[in-house]
Amino acid sequence: MKRILTIIAGILGVLVGLGFVFPAVAQWRNTGAMTGLSVALLLLGIALTVGGGGAAFHGIREKLR
């Protein structure tokens, strides 16, 4: 049960992280610049995406053992 929750939390972390990353990248593409808040949200999104991916990968790897 713990592995399944780890996988679900990891997938949710990836999705929430991408929800922060995509708008910041779209703003950068459209305006050619990013505000300080957009940079902060971009970095937060990258951290959530990487952390969530790592958690999901860890849960899947433990499930396969």
Protein backbone atom coordinates (compact mmCIF):
# COMPACT_ATOMS: atom_id res chain seq x y z
CA MET A 1 0.00 0.00 0.00
CA LYS A 2 2.87 2.34 0.80
CA ARG A 3 4.41 1.78 -2.65
CA ILE A 4 1.16 2.64 -4.39
CA LEU A 5 0.84 5.86 -2.39
CA THR A 6 4.44 6.73 -3.25
CA ILE A 7 3.75 6.21 -6.96
CA ILE A 8 0.54 8.26 -6.83
CA ALA A 9 2.23 11.07 -4.89
CA GLY A 10 5.08 11.07 -7.40
CA ILE A 11 2.73 11.30 -10.37
CA LEU A 12 0.79 14.12 -8.71
CA GLY A 13 4.06 15.91 -7.98
CA VAL A 14 5.04 15.69 -11.65
CA LEU A 15 1.68 17.02 -12.78
CA VAL A 16 1.65 19.91 -10.30
CA GLY A 17 5.26 20.73 -11.17
CA LEU A 18 4.46 20.83 -14.87
CA GLY A 19 1.50 23.05 -14.03
CA PHE A 20 4.02 25.60 -12.73
CA VAL A 21 6.55 25.11 -15.52
CA PHE A 22 4.33 25.37 -18.60
CA PRO A 23 2.85 28.83 -17.93
CA ALA A 24 6.28 30.27 -17.10
CA VAL A 25 7.77 28.86 -20.31
CA ALA A 26 4.79 30.11 -22.34
CA GLN A 27 5.23 33.61 -20.91
CA TRP A 28 8.91 33.51 -21.75
CA ARG A 29 8.15 32.39 -25.30
CA ASN A 30 5.50 35.08 -25.87
CA THR A 31 7.16 38.09 -24.26
CA GLY A 32 10.82 37.13 -24.45
CA ALA A 33 11.32 37.91 -20.76
CA MET A 34 10.30 36.56 -17.39
CA THR A 35 9.37 38.39 -14.22
CA GLY A 36 10.93 37.49 -10.89
CA LEU A 37 7.78 35.65 -9.84
CA SER A 38 7.80 33.60 -13.04
CA VAL A 39 11.40 32.59 -12.45
CA ALA A 40 10.58 31.54 -8.89
CA LEU A 41 7.58 29.50 -10.04
CA LEU A 42 9.64 27.96 -12.83
CA LEU A 43 12.28 26.81 -10.36
CA LEU A 44 9.62 25.52 -7.97
CA GLY A 45 7.98 23.64 -10.81
CA ILE A 46 11.25 22.09 -11.90
CA ALA A 47 11.94 20.96 -8.33
CA LEU A 48 8.46 19.46 -7.97
CA THR A 49 8.71 17.70 -11.33
CA VAL A 50 12.11 16.19 -10.60
CA GLY A 51 11.15 15.23 -7.06
CA GLY A 52 7.85 13.72 -8.14
CA GLY A 53 9.51 11.80 -10.95
CA GLY A 54 12.10 10.47 -8.55
CA ALA A 55 9.42 9.40 -6.06
CA ALA A 56 7.38 7.68 -8.75
CA PHE A 57 10.48 5.95 -10.11
CA HIS A 58 11.46 4.81 -6.63
CA GLY A 59 7.97 3.42 -6.00
CA ILE A 60 7.94 1.55 -9.30
CA ARG A 61 11.44 0.22 -8.75
CA GLU A 62 10.52 -1.07 -5.28
CA LYS A 63 7.38 -2.67 -6.70
CA LEU A 64 9.43 -4.62 -9.24
CA ARG A 65 11.75 -6.12 -6.62
